[in-house]
């Protein structure tokens, strides 16, 4: 943890992420391994309890490991607490150990066929659907 610069970044789109800031430039920051922070409140016998989950942020949508965030999209950037840093590292290790199941070629072909069938069922011509 000594060589890491873990930060909590609140973005203007409402997302809160924890990440390792690897480069702080004049107009952007470069981060790696960002995870989205999500707080969940639930009612218990003792009252309201909050829990924190860390989920993949952009990783489900791309293969990149590093991301550049423009500073004009950042509301606040603060160092993460020691406890949160340890939890973050724990979750990163768990995610790295997971075998992400990707669709097979056969499944991808089936999805493509289903999408084509749905497109063919759409009205033809100059039709507007509201």
N, C-alpha and C. Protein backbone atom coordinates (compact mmCIF):
# COMPACT_ATOMS: atom_id res chain seq x y z
N UNK A 1 0.81 -1.18 0.00
CA UNK A 1 0.00 0.00 0.00
C UNK A 1 0.87 1.26 0.00
N UNK A 2 2.13 1.15 0.36
CA UNK A 2 3.00 2.32 0.49
C UNK A 2 3.20 3.07 -0.81
N UNK A 3 3.33 2.35 -1.93
CA UNK A 3 3.61 3.01 -3.20
C UNK A 3 2.33 3.36 -3.96
N UNK A 4 1.20 3.19 -3.34
CA UNK A 4 -0.08 3.47 -4.00
C UNK A 4 -0.63 4.81 -3.53
N UNK A 5 -1.38 5.45 -4.39
CA UNK A 5 -2.00 6.73 -4.11
C UNK A 5 -3.51 6.56 -4.26
N UNK A 6 -4.13 5.87 -3.29
CA UNK A 6 -5.55 5.58 -3.36
C UNK A 6 -6.36 6.82 -3.04
N UNK A 7 -7.31 7.13 -3.91
CA UNK A 7 -8.15 8.32 -3.74
C UNK A 7 -9.60 7.98 -3.99
N UNK A 8 -10.46 8.76 -3.34
CA UNK A 8 -11.88 8.73 -3.63
C UNK A 8 -12.15 9.92 -4.53
N UNK A 9 -12.77 9.66 -5.67
CA UNK A 9 -13.04 10.72 -6.65
C UNK A 9 -14.55 10.79 -6.87
N UNK A 10 -15.10 11.98 -6.64
CA UNK A 10 -16.51 12.22 -6.93
C UNK A 10 -16.58 12.92 -8.28
N UNK A 11 -17.30 12.31 -9.21
CA UNK A 11 -17.40 12.84 -10.57
C UNK A 11 -18.68 13.65 -10.74
N UNK A 12 -18.67 14.54 -11.70
CA UNK A 12 -19.81 15.41 -11.94
C UNK A 12 -21.05 14.64 -12.41
N UNK A 13 -20.88 13.42 -12.90
CA UNK A 13 -22.03 12.61 -13.31
C UNK A 13 -22.69 11.89 -12.13
N UNK A 14 -22.13 12.07 -10.92
CA UNK A 14 -22.70 11.47 -9.72
C UNK A 14 -21.97 10.23 -9.25
N UNK A 15 -21.12 9.66 -10.08
CA UNK A 15 -20.37 8.47 -9.68
C UNK A 15 -19.32 8.83 -8.63
N UNK A 16 -19.14 7.92 -7.68
CA UNK A 16 -18.06 8.00 -6.71
C UNK A 16 -17.19 6.78 -6.93
N UNK A 17 -15.90 7.00 -7.13
CA UNK A 17 -15.00 5.87 -7.37
C UNK A 17 -13.83 5.93 -6.40
N UNK A 18 -13.25 4.76 -6.15
CA UNK A 18 -11.98 4.68 -5.46
C UNK A 18 -11.01 4.12 -6.49
N UNK A 19 -9.80 4.66 -6.51
CA UNK A 19 -8.84 4.25 -7.54
C UNK A 19 -7.43 4.57 -7.08
N UNK A 20 -6.47 4.07 -7.83
CA UNK A 20 -5.09 4.43 -7.62
C UNK A 20 -4.75 5.52 -8.63
N UNK A 21 -4.41 6.71 -8.12
CA UNK A 21 -4.03 7.82 -9.01
C UNK A 21 -2.56 7.64 -9.36
N UNK A 22 -2.29 7.41 -10.65
CA UNK A 22 -0.92 7.14 -11.07
C UNK A 22 -0.24 8.35 -11.70
N UNK A 23 -1.04 9.34 -12.10
CA UNK A 23 -0.45 10.54 -12.70
C UNK A 23 -1.43 11.69 -12.52
N UNK A 24 -0.93 12.80 -11.95
CA UNK A 24 -1.75 13.98 -11.74
C UNK A 24 -1.22 15.09 -12.63
N UNK A 25 -1.92 15.33 -13.74
CA UNK A 25 -1.50 16.34 -14.71
C UNK A 25 -2.26 17.64 -14.48
N UNK A 26 -1.94 18.65 -15.27
CA UNK A 26 -2.56 19.96 -15.09
C UNK A 26 -4.07 19.92 -15.31
N UNK A 27 -4.52 19.22 -16.36
CA UNK A 27 -5.94 19.22 -16.69
C UNK A 27 -6.62 17.86 -16.55
N UNK A 28 -5.87 16.84 -16.09
CA UNK A 28 -6.46 15.50 -15.96
C UNK A 28 -5.68 14.69 -14.93
N UNK A 29 -6.29 13.59 -14.53
CA UNK A 29 -5.58 12.61 -13.70
C UNK A 29 -5.70 11.25 -14.37
N UNK A 30 -4.66 10.47 -14.26
CA UNK A 30 -4.67 9.12 -14.81
C UNK A 30 -4.83 8.16 -13.64
N UNK A 31 -5.80 7.26 -13.74
CA UNK A 31 -6.10 6.33 -12.65
C UNK A 31 -6.08 4.90 -13.17
N UNK A 32 -5.86 3.98 -12.24
CA UNK A 32 -5.97 2.56 -12.58
C UNK A 32 -6.83 1.85 -11.55
N UNK A 33 -7.40 0.76 -11.95
CA UNK A 33 -8.23 -0.10 -11.10
C UNK A 33 -9.35 0.67 -10.40
N UNK A 34 -10.13 1.47 -11.12
CA UNK A 34 -11.22 2.19 -10.46
C UNK A 34 -12.38 1.25 -10.11
N UNK A 35 -12.91 1.43 -8.92
CA UNK A 35 -14.10 0.70 -8.50
C UNK A 35 -15.14 1.72 -8.05
N UNK A 36 -16.38 1.46 -8.39
CA UNK A 36 -17.47 2.36 -8.03
C UNK A 36 -17.89 2.09 -6.59
N UNK A 37 -18.01 3.16 -5.81
CA UNK A 37 -18.48 3.07 -4.43
C UNK A 37 -20.00 3.18 -4.42
N UNK A 38 -20.66 2.23 -3.79
CA UNK A 38 -22.12 2.28 -3.67
C UNK A 38 -22.49 2.03 -2.23
N UNK A 39 -23.26 2.95 -1.66
CA UNK A 39 -23.71 2.84 -0.29
C UNK A 39 -25.15 2.33 -0.29
N UNK A 40 -25.43 1.36 0.57
CA UNK A 40 -26.76 0.77 0.65
C UNK A 40 -27.26 0.89 2.09
N UNK A 41 -28.44 1.46 2.25
CA UNK A 41 -29.06 1.56 3.57
C UNK A 41 -30.16 0.51 3.68
N UNK A 42 -30.24 -0.10 4.85
CA UNK A 42 -31.31 -1.07 5.07
C UNK A 42 -31.79 -0.95 6.51
N UNK A 43 -33.03 -1.27 6.71
CA UNK A 43 -33.64 -1.17 8.03
C UNK A 43 -33.42 -2.48 8.78
N UNK A 44 -32.87 -2.39 9.98
CA UNK A 44 -32.66 -3.56 10.83
C UNK A 44 -33.43 -3.35 12.13
N UNK A 45 -33.41 -4.34 13.00
CA UNK A 45 -34.07 -4.22 14.31
C UNK A 45 -33.46 -3.09 15.14
N UNK A 46 -32.16 -2.85 14.93
CA UNK A 46 -31.46 -1.82 15.69
C UNK A 46 -31.57 -0.44 15.04
N UNK A 47 -32.11 -0.34 13.87
CA UNK A 47 -32.23 0.93 13.16
C UNK A 47 -31.71 0.81 11.74
N UNK A 48 -31.31 1.91 11.17
CA UNK A 48 -30.81 1.92 9.80
C UNK A 48 -29.33 1.55 9.80
N UNK A 49 -28.98 0.60 8.96
CA UNK A 49 -27.58 0.18 8.82
C UNK A 49 -27.15 0.46 7.38
N UNK A 50 -25.97 1.00 7.25
CA UNK A 50 -25.42 1.27 5.92
C UNK A 50 -24.30 0.31 5.63
N UNK A 51 -24.23 -0.12 4.38
CA UNK A 51 -23.13 -0.98 3.95
C UNK A 51 -22.54 -0.39 2.67
N UNK A 52 -21.31 -0.73 2.42
CA UNK A 52 -20.60 -0.21 1.26
C UNK A 52 -20.23 -1.37 0.35
N UNK A 53 -20.49 -1.18 -0.94
CA UNK A 53 -20.03 -2.18 -1.90
C UNK A 53 -19.15 -1.49 -2.94
N UNK A 54 -18.17 -2.22 -3.41
CA UNK A 54 -17.29 -1.75 -4.47
C UNK A 54 -17.53 -2.63 -5.68
N UNK A 55 -17.89 -2.01 -6.79
CA UNK A 55 -18.17 -2.76 -8.01
C UNK A 55 -17.32 -2.22 -9.15
N UNK A 56 -17.16 -3.04 -10.17
CA UNK A 56 -16.40 -2.58 -11.33
C UNK A 56 -17.09 -1.36 -11.92
N UNK A 57 -16.29 -0.40 -12.34
CA UNK A 57 -16.84 0.88 -12.83
C UNK A 57 -16.96 0.85 -14.36
N UNK A 58 -15.86 0.94 -15.07
CA UNK A 58 -15.87 0.92 -16.54
C UNK A 58 -15.47 -0.45 -17.10
N UNK A 59 -14.91 -1.29 -16.26
CA UNK A 59 -14.35 -2.56 -16.72
C UNK A 59 -15.36 -3.48 -17.41
N UNK A 60 -16.65 -3.47 -17.04
CA UNK A 60 -17.56 -4.34 -17.79
C UNK A 60 -17.74 -3.92 -19.25
N UNK A 61 -17.36 -2.68 -19.57
CA UNK A 61 -17.62 -2.14 -20.90
C UNK A 61 -16.38 -2.02 -21.77
N UNK A 62 -15.20 -2.21 -21.20
CA UNK A 62 -13.97 -2.08 -21.98
C UNK A 62 -12.86 -2.92 -21.36
N UNK A 63 -11.76 -3.04 -22.06
CA UNK A 63 -10.63 -3.84 -21.60
C UNK A 63 -9.50 -3.00 -21.01
N UNK A 64 -9.72 -1.71 -20.91
CA UNK A 64 -8.67 -0.81 -20.43
C UNK A 64 -8.38 -1.04 -18.94
N UNK A 65 -7.15 -0.83 -18.56
CA UNK A 65 -6.74 -0.93 -17.15
C UNK A 65 -6.55 0.45 -16.55
N UNK A 66 -6.23 1.44 -17.40
CA UNK A 66 -5.99 2.80 -16.95
C UNK A 66 -6.99 3.73 -17.62
N UNK A 67 -7.37 4.78 -16.90
CA UNK A 67 -8.35 5.74 -17.41
C UNK A 67 -7.86 7.15 -17.13
N UNK A 68 -8.16 8.06 -18.04
CA UNK A 68 -7.83 9.47 -17.86
C UNK A 68 -9.12 10.22 -17.55
N UNK A 69 -9.13 10.89 -16.41
CA UNK A 69 -10.29 11.68 -16.00
C UNK A 69 -9.95 13.16 -16.14
N UNK A 70 -10.76 13.88 -16.88
CA UNK A 70 -10.55 15.31 -17.03
C UNK A 70 -10.92 16.00 -15.71
N UNK A 71 -10.10 16.92 -15.29
CA UNK A 71 -10.34 17.58 -14.00
C UNK A 71 -11.63 18.38 -13.99
N UNK A 72 -12.11 18.81 -15.16
CA UNK A 72 -13.38 19.55 -15.18
C UNK A 72 -14.58 18.64 -14.94
N UNK A 73 -14.37 17.32 -14.91
CA UNK A 73 -15.45 16.38 -14.58
C UNK A 73 -15.33 15.86 -13.15
N UNK A 74 -14.35 16.37 -12.40
CA UNK A 74 -14.12 15.93 -11.02
C UNK A 74 -14.62 17.01 -10.08
N UNK A 75 -15.49 16.62 -9.14
CA UNK A 75 -15.99 17.56 -8.14
C UNK A 75 -15.02 17.63 -6.97
N UNK A 76 -14.59 16.45 -6.50
CA UNK A 76 -13.65 16.40 -5.39
C UNK A 76 -12.79 15.15 -5.51
N UNK A 77 -11.56 15.25 -5.03
CA UNK A 77 -10.61 14.15 -5.07
C UNK A 77 -9.88 14.15 -3.73
N UNK A 78 -10.15 13.14 -2.89
CA UNK A 78 -9.56 13.10 -1.55
C UNK A 78 -8.89 11.75 -1.31
N UNK A 79 -7.86 11.72 -0.47
CA UNK A 79 -7.21 10.45 -0.14
C UNK A 79 -8.19 9.53 0.59
N UNK A 80 -8.12 8.24 0.29
CA UNK A 80 -8.99 7.26 0.94
C UNK A 80 -8.43 6.93 2.33
N UNK A 81 -9.32 6.58 3.26
CA UNK A 81 -8.89 6.20 4.61
C UNK A 81 -8.14 4.88 4.57
N UNK A 82 -7.37 4.62 5.61
CA UNK A 82 -6.59 3.37 5.68
C UNK A 82 -7.51 2.16 5.62
N UNK A 83 -8.62 2.22 6.36
CA UNK A 83 -9.57 1.10 6.35
C UNK A 83 -10.17 0.85 4.99
N UNK A 84 -10.55 1.92 4.29
CA UNK A 84 -11.12 1.77 2.96
C UNK A 84 -10.08 1.25 1.98
N UNK A 85 -8.83 1.69 2.14
CA UNK A 85 -7.74 1.21 1.27
C UNK A 85 -7.58 -0.30 1.40
N UNK A 86 -7.64 -0.80 2.63
CA UNK A 86 -7.49 -2.24 2.85
C UNK A 86 -8.67 -3.00 2.24
N UNK A 87 -9.88 -2.47 2.40
CA UNK A 87 -11.06 -3.10 1.81
C UNK A 87 -10.96 -3.09 0.27
N UNK A 88 -10.51 -1.98 -0.29
CA UNK A 88 -10.32 -1.83 -1.74
C UNK A 88 -9.34 -2.89 -2.25
N UNK A 89 -8.20 -3.03 -1.58
CA UNK A 89 -7.21 -4.04 -1.98
C UNK A 89 -7.78 -5.44 -1.89
N UNK A 90 -8.57 -5.72 -0.84
CA UNK A 90 -9.21 -7.02 -0.67
C UNK A 90 -10.15 -7.31 -1.84
N UNK A 91 -10.97 -6.32 -2.21
CA UNK A 91 -11.92 -6.50 -3.32
C UNK A 91 -11.18 -6.67 -4.64
N UNK A 92 -10.12 -5.90 -4.86
CA UNK A 92 -9.33 -6.05 -6.09
C UNK A 92 -8.77 -7.46 -6.22
N UNK A 93 -8.28 -8.02 -5.12
CA UNK A 93 -7.75 -9.39 -5.15
C UNK A 93 -8.86 -10.38 -5.46
N UNK A 94 -10.05 -10.16 -4.88
CA UNK A 94 -11.19 -11.05 -5.15
C UNK A 94 -11.59 -10.97 -6.62
N UNK A 95 -11.64 -9.77 -7.17
CA UNK A 95 -12.03 -9.59 -8.57
C UNK A 95 -10.99 -10.24 -9.49
N UNK A 96 -9.70 -10.07 -9.18
CA UNK A 96 -8.65 -10.68 -9.99
C UNK A 96 -8.74 -12.20 -9.98
N UNK A 97 -9.24 -12.77 -8.89
CA UNK A 97 -9.34 -14.22 -8.77
C UNK A 97 -10.57 -14.81 -9.44
N UNK A 98 -11.50 -13.95 -9.85
CA UNK A 98 -12.73 -14.43 -10.48
C UNK A 98 -12.50 -14.81 -11.93
N UNK A 99 -13.14 -15.86 -12.33
CA UNK A 99 -13.14 -16.23 -13.75
C UNK A 99 -14.39 -15.64 -14.37
N UNK A 100 -14.21 -14.59 -15.14
CA UNK A 100 -15.33 -13.96 -15.81
C UNK A 100 -15.75 -14.84 -16.98
N UNK A 101 -17.00 -15.24 -16.97
CA UNK A 101 -17.52 -16.12 -18.02
C UNK A 101 -17.96 -15.26 -19.18
N UNK A 102 -17.36 -15.51 -20.32
CA UNK A 102 -17.71 -14.78 -21.53
C UNK A 102 -18.54 -15.70 -22.42
N UNK A 103 -19.41 -15.11 -23.24
CA UNK A 103 -20.23 -15.95 -24.12
C UNK A 103 -19.38 -16.67 -25.17
N UNK A 104 -19.81 -17.87 -25.49
CA UNK A 104 -19.12 -18.65 -26.53
C UNK A 104 -19.49 -18.10 -27.90
N UNK A 105 -18.78 -18.54 -28.91
CA UNK A 105 -19.09 -18.12 -30.29
C UNK A 105 -20.52 -18.51 -30.66
N UNK A 106 -20.93 -19.69 -30.22
CA UNK A 106 -22.28 -20.16 -30.50
C UNK A 106 -23.32 -19.23 -29.85
N UNK A 107 -23.08 -18.84 -28.61
CA UNK A 107 -23.99 -17.95 -27.91
C UNK A 107 -24.02 -16.57 -28.57
N UNK A 108 -22.87 -16.07 -29.00
CA UNK A 108 -22.81 -14.78 -29.69
C UNK A 108 -23.60 -14.82 -30.99
N UNK A 109 -23.47 -15.92 -31.74
CA UNK A 109 -24.23 -16.07 -32.99
C UNK A 109 -25.73 -16.09 -32.70
N UNK A 110 -26.14 -16.78 -31.63
CA UNK A 110 -27.55 -16.85 -31.27
C UNK A 110 -28.09 -15.46 -30.90
N UNK A 111 -27.31 -14.69 -30.17
CA UNK A 111 -27.70 -13.33 -29.81
C UNK A 111 -27.87 -12.49 -31.06
N UNK A 112 -26.94 -12.64 -31.99
CA UNK A 112 -27.00 -11.88 -33.25
C UNK A 112 -28.25 -12.24 -34.04
N UNK A 113 -28.58 -13.52 -34.10
CA UNK A 113 -29.78 -13.98 -34.81
C UNK A 113 -31.03 -13.39 -34.16
N UNK A 114 -31.09 -13.43 -32.82
CA UNK A 114 -32.25 -12.89 -32.10
C UNK A 114 -32.40 -11.40 -32.34
N UNK A 115 -31.30 -10.67 -32.36
CA UNK A 115 -31.38 -9.23 -32.59
C UNK A 115 -31.85 -8.93 -34.01
N UNK A 116 -31.38 -9.70 -34.99
CA UNK A 116 -31.83 -9.50 -36.37
C UNK A 116 -33.32 -9.76 -36.49
N UNK A 117 -33.81 -10.81 -35.80
CA UNK A 117 -35.24 -11.12 -35.84
C UNK A 117 -36.05 -9.98 -35.23
N UNK A 118 -35.57 -9.40 -34.14
CA UNK A 118 -36.26 -8.28 -33.51
C UNK A 118 -36.29 -7.06 -34.44
N UNK A 119 -35.21 -6.81 -35.13
CA UNK A 119 -35.14 -5.68 -36.06
C UNK A 119 -36.10 -5.89 -37.21
N UNK A 120 -36.20 -7.12 -37.70
CA UNK A 120 -37.10 -7.42 -38.82
C UNK A 120 -38.55 -7.23 -38.42
N UNK A 121 -38.87 -7.35 -37.13
CA UNK A 121 -40.25 -7.19 -36.67
C UNK A 121 -40.65 -5.73 -36.48
N UNK A 122 -39.69 -4.84 -36.55
CA UNK A 122 -40.00 -3.42 -36.42
C UNK A 122 -40.78 -2.94 -37.63
N UNK A 123 -41.65 -1.94 -37.43
CA UNK A 123 -42.43 -1.41 -38.56
C UNK A 123 -41.51 -0.84 -39.64
N UNK A 124 -41.89 -1.05 -40.87
CA UNK A 124 -41.11 -0.57 -42.01
C UNK A 124 -41.61 0.81 -42.43
N UNK A 125 -40.76 1.56 -43.07
CA UNK A 125 -41.16 2.85 -43.62
C UNK A 125 -40.97 4.00 -42.66
N UNK A 126 -41.76 5.02 -42.85
CA UNK A 126 -41.66 6.26 -42.10
C UNK A 126 -42.59 6.23 -40.89
N UNK A 127 -42.30 5.38 -39.92
CA UNK A 127 -43.15 5.21 -38.75
C UNK A 127 -42.42 5.72 -37.52
N UNK A 128 -43.12 6.53 -36.74
CA UNK A 128 -42.57 7.06 -35.51
C UNK A 128 -43.27 6.38 -34.34
N UNK A 129 -42.48 5.83 -33.42
CA UNK A 129 -43.05 5.16 -32.25
C UNK A 129 -42.73 6.01 -31.03
N UNK A 130 -43.74 6.30 -30.22
CA UNK A 130 -43.54 7.10 -29.01
C UNK A 130 -43.82 6.27 -27.80
